[in-house]
C-alpha cells in the first residue's frame, strides 16, 4: 500500500530542496489580492534570477 504524504510535508520537502512554496487561501485572493499579487511577482522574479544564475557559465 502506498502512503500519501500530506501537503505540508510535501511543501517542507520542496523548501528543503531550495524551492520557495506559496500556500494561498481564498482570503489571500479575495481580501488581500494586491499584496498577494506583489508577493507572487517577487517570488517569480527571484526564481527567474536564480535560474539565470545557474545557467551562466564561469569565464575561462
PDB file of N, CA and C in Angstrom:
ATOM      1  N   UNK A   1       0.841  -1.181   0.000  1.00  0.00           N
ATOM      2  CA  UNK A   1       0.000   0.000   0.000  1.00  0.00           C
ATOM      3  C   UNK A   1       0.888   1.247   0.000  1.00  0.00           C
ATOM      4  N   UNK A   2       0.570   2.172  -0.852  1.00  0.00           N
ATOM      5  CA  UNK A   2       1.351   3.396  -0.989  1.00  0.00           C
ATOM      6  C   UNK A   2       0.869   4.436   0.018  1.00  0.00           C
ATOM      7  N   UNK A   3       1.815   5.019   0.717  1.00  0.00           N
ATOM      8  CA  UNK A   3       1.460   6.067   1.678  1.00  0.00           C
ATOM      9  C   UNK A   3       1.428   7.412   0.976  1.00  0.00           C
ATOM     10  N   UNK A   4       0.442   8.178   1.289  1.00  0.00           N
ATOM     11  CA  UNK A   4       0.308   9.513   0.704  1.00  0.00           C
ATOM     12  C   UNK A   4       0.725  10.532   1.753  1.00  0.00           C
ATOM     13  N   UNK A   5       1.656  11.383   1.377  1.00  0.00           N
ATOM     14  CA  UNK A   5       2.101  12.419   2.303  1.00  0.00           C
ATOM     15  C   UNK A   5       1.108  13.567   2.301  1.00  0.00           C
ATOM     16  N   UNK A   6       0.940  14.165   3.465  1.00  0.00           N
ATOM     17  CA  UNK A   6       0.054  15.332   3.495  1.00  0.00           C
ATOM     18  C   UNK A   6       0.761  16.518   2.847  1.00  0.00           C
ATOM     19  N   UNK A   7      -0.001  17.520   2.494  1.00  0.00           N
ATOM     20  CA  UNK A   7       0.545  18.621   1.711  1.00  0.00           C
ATOM     21  C   UNK A   7       1.624  19.399   2.456  1.00  0.00           C
ATOM     22  N   UNK A   8       1.504  19.553   3.762  1.00  0.00           N
ATOM     23  CA  UNK A   8       2.523  20.318   4.480  1.00  0.00           C
ATOM     24  C   UNK A   8       3.870  19.607   4.460  1.00  0.00           C
ATOM     25  N   UNK A   9       3.876  18.284   4.513  1.00  0.00           N
ATOM     26  CA  UNK A   9       5.126  17.533   4.407  1.00  0.00           C
ATOM     27  C   UNK A   9       5.739  17.727   3.033  1.00  0.00           C
ATOM     28  N   UNK A  10       4.919  17.692   2.015  1.00  0.00           N
ATOM     29  CA  UNK A  10       5.398  17.887   0.648  1.00  0.00           C
ATOM     30  C   UNK A  10       6.009  19.279   0.494  1.00  0.00           C
ATOM     31  N   UNK A  11       5.352  20.297   1.051  1.00  0.00           N
ATOM     32  CA  UNK A  11       5.878  21.657   0.964  1.00  0.00           C
ATOM     33  C   UNK A  11       7.219  21.771   1.673  1.00  0.00           C
ATOM     34  N   UNK A  12       7.346  21.125   2.820  1.00  0.00           N
ATOM     35  CA  UNK A  12       8.618  21.155   3.540  1.00  0.00           C
ATOM     36  C   UNK A  12       9.723  20.490   2.730  1.00  0.00           C
ATOM     37  N   UNK A  13       9.386  19.402   2.047  1.00  0.00           N
ATOM     38  CA  UNK A  13      10.380  18.742   1.199  1.00  0.00           C
ATOM     39  C   UNK A  13      10.826  19.662   0.067  1.00  0.00           C
ATOM     40  N   UNK A  14       9.886  20.345  -0.565  1.00  0.00           N
ATOM     41  CA  UNK A  14      10.231  21.273  -1.646  1.00  0.00           C
ATOM     42  C   UNK A  14      11.101  22.414  -1.124  1.00  0.00           C
ATOM     43  N   UNK A  15      10.745  22.957   0.025  1.00  0.00           N
ATOM     44  CA  UNK A  15      11.543  24.045   0.575  1.00  0.00           C
ATOM     45  C   UNK A  15      12.926  23.550   0.974  1.00  0.00           C
ATOM     46  N   UNK A  16      13.020  22.300   1.408  1.00  0.00           N
ATOM     47  CA  UNK A  16      14.317  21.717   1.714  1.00  0.00           C
ATOM     48  C   UNK A  16      15.215  21.609   0.494  1.00  0.00           C
ATOM     49  N   UNK A  17      14.613  21.534  -0.676  1.00  0.00           N
ATOM     50  CA  UNK A  17      15.371  21.499  -1.929  1.00  0.00           C
ATOM     51  C   UNK A  17      15.702  22.906  -2.423  1.00  0.00           C
ATOM     52  N   UNK A  18      15.300  23.915  -1.668  1.00  0.00           N
ATOM     53  CA  UNK A  18      15.584  25.291  -2.048  1.00  0.00           C
ATOM     54  C   UNK A  18      14.522  25.927  -2.915  1.00  0.00           C
ATOM     55  N   UNK A  19      13.380  25.292  -3.020  1.00  0.00           N
ATOM     56  CA  UNK A  19      12.286  25.843  -3.822  1.00  0.00           C
ATOM     57  C   UNK A  19      11.309  26.562  -2.906  1.00  0.00           C
ATOM     58  N   UNK A  20      10.966  27.781  -3.269  1.00  0.00           N
ATOM     59  CA  UNK A  20      10.005  28.525  -2.457  1.00  0.00           C
ATOM     60  C   UNK A  20       8.602  28.029  -2.740  1.00  0.00           C
ATOM     61  N   UNK A  21       7.812  27.955  -1.695  1.00  0.00           N
ATOM     62  CA  UNK A  21       6.444  27.450  -1.811  1.00  0.00           C
ATOM     63  C   UNK A  21       5.489  28.496  -1.249  1.00  0.00           C
ATOM     64  N   UNK A  22       4.477  28.817  -2.022  1.00  0.00           N
ATOM     65  CA  UNK A  22       3.428  29.722  -1.557  1.00  0.00           C
ATOM     66  C   UNK A  22       2.158  28.915  -1.348  1.00  0.00           C
ATOM     67  N   UNK A  23       1.571  29.067  -0.180  1.00  0.00           N
ATOM     68  CA  UNK A  23       0.297  28.406   0.092  1.00  0.00           C
ATOM     69  C   UNK A  23      -0.764  29.489   0.166  1.00  0.00           C
ATOM     70  N   UNK A  24      -1.587  29.556  -0.853  1.00  0.00           N
ATOM     71  CA  UNK A  24      -2.618  30.587  -0.923  1.00  0.00           C
ATOM     72  C   UNK A  24      -3.956  30.043  -0.449  1.00  0.00           C
ATOM     73  N   UNK A  25      -4.671  30.906   0.234  1.00  0.00           N
ATOM     74  CA  UNK A  25      -6.029  30.565   0.650  1.00  0.00           C
ATOM     75  C   UNK A  25      -6.999  31.502  -0.064  1.00  0.00           C
ATOM     76  N   UNK A  26      -8.255  31.235   0.095  1.00  0.00           N
ATOM     77  CA  UNK A  26      -9.277  32.076  -0.516  1.00  0.00           C
ATOM     78  C   UNK A  26      -9.160  33.518  -0.014  1.00  0.00           C
ATOM     79  N   UNK A  27      -8.815  33.681   1.242  1.00  0.00           N
ATOM     80  CA  UNK A  27      -8.661  35.020   1.812  1.00  0.00           C
ATOM     81  C   UNK A  27      -7.572  35.811   1.089  1.00  0.00           C
ATOM     82  N   UNK A  28      -6.470  35.139   0.751  1.00  0.00           N
ATOM     83  CA  UNK A  28      -5.391  35.822   0.036  1.00  0.00           C
ATOM     84  C   UNK A  28      -5.863  36.364  -1.306  1.00  0.00           C
ATOM     85  N   UNK A  29      -6.719  35.620  -1.960  1.00  0.00           N
ATOM     86  CA  UNK A  29      -7.202  36.021  -3.283  1.00  0.00           C
ATOM     87  C   UNK A  29      -8.288  37.090  -3.169  1.00  0.00           C
ATOM     88  N   UNK A  30      -9.253  36.872  -2.305  1.00  0.00           N
ATOM     89  CA  UNK A  30     -10.409  37.766  -2.244  1.00  0.00           C
ATOM     90  C   UNK A  30     -10.177  39.036  -1.431  1.00  0.00           C
ATOM     91  N   UNK A  31      -9.490  38.920  -0.307  1.00  0.00           N
ATOM     92  CA  UNK A  31      -9.371  40.060   0.602  1.00  0.00           C
ATOM     93  C   UNK A  31      -8.047  40.811   0.490  1.00  0.00           C
ATOM     94  N   UNK A  32      -7.002  40.133   0.080  1.00  0.00           N
ATOM     95  CA  UNK A  32      -5.672  40.747   0.087  1.00  0.00           C
ATOM     96  C   UNK A  32      -4.983  40.588  -1.263  1.00  0.00           C
ATOM     97  N   UNK A  33      -5.732  40.728  -2.341  1.00  0.00           N
ATOM     98  CA  UNK A  33      -5.195  40.424  -3.664  1.00  0.00           C
ATOM     99  C   UNK A  33      -3.989  41.275  -4.038  1.00  0.00           C
ATOM    100  N   UNK A  34      -4.001  42.571  -3.759  1.00  0.00           N
ATOM    101  CA  UNK A  34      -2.890  43.434  -4.166  1.00  0.00           C
ATOM    102  C   UNK A  34      -1.579  42.974  -3.541  1.00  0.00           C
ATOM    103  N   UNK A  35      -1.603  42.694  -2.254  1.00  0.00           N
ATOM    104  CA  UNK A  35      -0.404  42.216  -1.570  1.00  0.00           C
ATOM    105  C   UNK A  35      -0.013  40.835  -2.070  1.00  0.00           C
ATOM    106  N   UNK A  36      -0.988  39.964  -2.245  1.00  0.00           N
ATOM    107  CA  UNK A  36      -0.721  38.610  -2.735  1.00  0.00           C
ATOM    108  C   UNK A  36      -0.078  38.656  -4.108  1.00  0.00           C
ATOM    109  N   UNK A  37      -0.582  39.500  -4.989  1.00  0.00           N
ATOM    110  CA  UNK A  37      -0.020  39.617  -6.334  1.00  0.00           C
ATOM    111  C   UNK A  37       1.431  40.081  -6.283  1.00  0.00           C
ATOM    112  N   UNK A  38       1.739  41.050  -5.425  1.00  0.00           N
ATOM    113  CA  UNK A  38       3.117  41.532  -5.305  1.00  0.00           C
ATOM    114  C   UNK A  38       4.053  40.433  -4.800  1.00  0.00           C
ATOM    115  N   UNK A  39       3.570  39.627  -3.864  1.00  0.00           N
ATOM    116  CA  UNK A  39       4.386  38.519  -3.349  1.00  0.00           C
ATOM    117  C   UNK A  39       4.639  37.493  -4.452  1.00  0.00           C
ATOM    118  N   UNK A  40       3.606  37.146  -5.200  1.00  0.00           N
ATOM    119  CA  UNK A  40       3.761  36.183  -6.295  1.00  0.00           C
ATOM    120  C   UNK A  40       4.755  36.721  -7.317  1.00  0.00           C
ATOM    121  N   UNK A  41       4.617  37.986  -7.660  1.00  0.00           N
ATOM    122  CA  UNK A  41       5.523  38.609  -8.630  1.00  0.00           C
ATOM    123  C   UNK A  41       6.967  38.559  -8.135  1.00  0.00           C
ATOM    124  N   UNK A  42       7.178  38.841  -6.866  1.00  0.00           N
ATOM    125  CA  UNK A  42       8.533  38.820  -6.300  1.00  0.00           C
ATOM    126  C   UNK A  42       9.117  37.411  -6.320  1.00  0.00           C
ATOM    127  N   UNK A  43       8.323  36.421  -5.970  1.00  0.00           N
ATOM    128  CA  UNK A  43       8.805  35.037  -5.965  1.00  0.00           C
ATOM    129  C   UNK A  43       9.182  34.601  -7.378  1.00  0.00           C
ATOM    130  N   UNK A  44       8.370  34.965  -8.356  1.00  0.00           N
ATOM    131  CA  UNK A  44       8.671  34.613  -9.751  1.00  0.00           C
ATOM    132  C   UNK A  44       9.956  35.297 -10.202  1.00  0.00           C
ATOM    133  N   UNK A  45      10.121  36.571  -9.889  1.00  0.00           N
ATOM    134  CA  UNK A  45      11.335  37.290 -10.272  1.00  0.00           C
ATOM    135  C   UNK A  45      12.562  36.683  -9.608  1.00  0.00           C
ATOM    136  N   UNK A  46      12.459  36.323  -8.334  1.00  0.00           N
ATOM    137  CA  UNK A  46      13.575  35.675  -7.639  1.00  0.00           C
ATOM    138  C   UNK A  46      13.934  34.351  -8.305  1.00  0.00           C
ATOM    139  N   UNK A  47      12.923  33.577  -8.678  1.00  0.00           N
ATOM    140  CA  UNK A  47      13.164  32.281  -9.326  1.00  0.00           C
ATOM    141  C   UNK A  47      13.813  32.471 -10.693  1.00  0.00           C
ATOM    142  N   UNK A  48      13.394  33.490 -11.427  1.00  0.00           N
ATOM    143  CA  UNK A  48      13.991  33.749 -12.736  1.00  0.00           C
ATOM    144  C   UNK A  48      15.452  34.154 -12.598  1.00  0.00           C
ATOM    145  N   UNK A  49      15.764  34.997 -11.607  1.00  0.00           N
ATOM    146  CA  UNK A  49      17.163  35.384 -11.374  1.00  0.00           C
ATOM    147  C   UNK A  49      18.004  34.168 -10.999  1.00  0.00           C
ATOM    148  N   UNK A  50      17.466  33.319 -10.151  1.00  0.00           N
ATOM    149  CA  UNK A  50      18.191  32.114  -9.742  1.00  0.00           C
ATOM    150  C   UNK A  50      18.420  31.192 -10.928  1.00  0.00           C
ATOM    151  N   UNK A  51      17.428  31.044 -11.772  1.00  0.00           N
ATOM    152  CA  UNK A  51      17.565  30.191 -12.952  1.00  0.00           C
ATOM    153  C   UNK A  51      18.631  30.748 -13.894  1.00  0.00           C
ATOM    154  N   UNK A  52      18.640  32.054 -14.098  1.00  0.00           N
ATOM    155  CA  UNK A  52      19.665  32.667 -14.943  1.00  0.00           C
ATOM    156  C   UNK A  52      21.044  32.463 -14.339  1.00  0.00           C
ATOM    157  N   UNK A  53      21.151  32.600 -13.026  1.00  0.00           N
ATOM    158  CA  UNK A  53      22.437  32.422 -12.351  1.00  0.00           C
ATOM    159  C   UNK A  53      22.960  31.002 -12.543  1.00  0.00           C
ATOM    160  N   UNK A  54      22.086  30.029 -12.470  1.00  0.00           N
ATOM    161  CA  UNK A  54      22.502  28.632 -12.640  1.00  0.00           C
ATOM    162  C   UNK A  54      22.989  28.344 -14.048  1.00  0.00           C
ATOM    163  N   UNK A  55      22.409  29.032 -15.030  1.00  0.00           N
ATOM    164  CA  UNK A  55      22.761  28.753 -16.419  1.00  0.00           C
ATOM    165  C   UNK A  55      23.961  29.552 -16.910  1.00  0.00           C
ATOM    166  N   UNK A  56      24.424  30.507 -16.111  1.00  0.00           N
ATOM    167  CA  UNK A  56      25.607  31.265 -16.510  1.00  0.00           C
ATOM    168  C   UNK A  56      26.834  30.392 -16.308  1.00  0.00           C
ATOM    169  N   UNK A  57      27.733  30.473 -17.259  1.00  0.00           N
ATOM    170  CA  UNK A  57      28.974  29.702 -17.154  1.00  0.00           C
ATOM    171  C   UNK A  57      30.095  30.637 -16.717  1.00  0.00           C
ATOM    172  N   UNK A  58      31.003  30.139 -15.903  1.00  0.00           N
ATOM    173  CA  UNK A  58      32.118  30.998 -15.482  1.00  0.00           C
ATOM    174  C   UNK A  58      33.020  31.331 -16.670  1.00  0.00           C
ATOM    175  N   UNK A  59      33.613  32.517 -16.625  1.00  0.00           N
ATOM    176  CA  UNK A  59      34.536  32.922 -17.687  1.00  0.00           C
ATOM    177  C   UNK A  59      35.808  32.093 -17.604  1.00  0.00           C
ATOM    178  N   UNK A  60      36.333  31.743 -18.754  1.00  0.00           N
ATOM    179  CA  UNK A  60      37.561  30.926 -18.775  1.00  0.00           C
ATOM    180  C   UNK A  60      38.762  31.784 -19.044  1.00  0.00           C
TER     181      UNK A  60
END
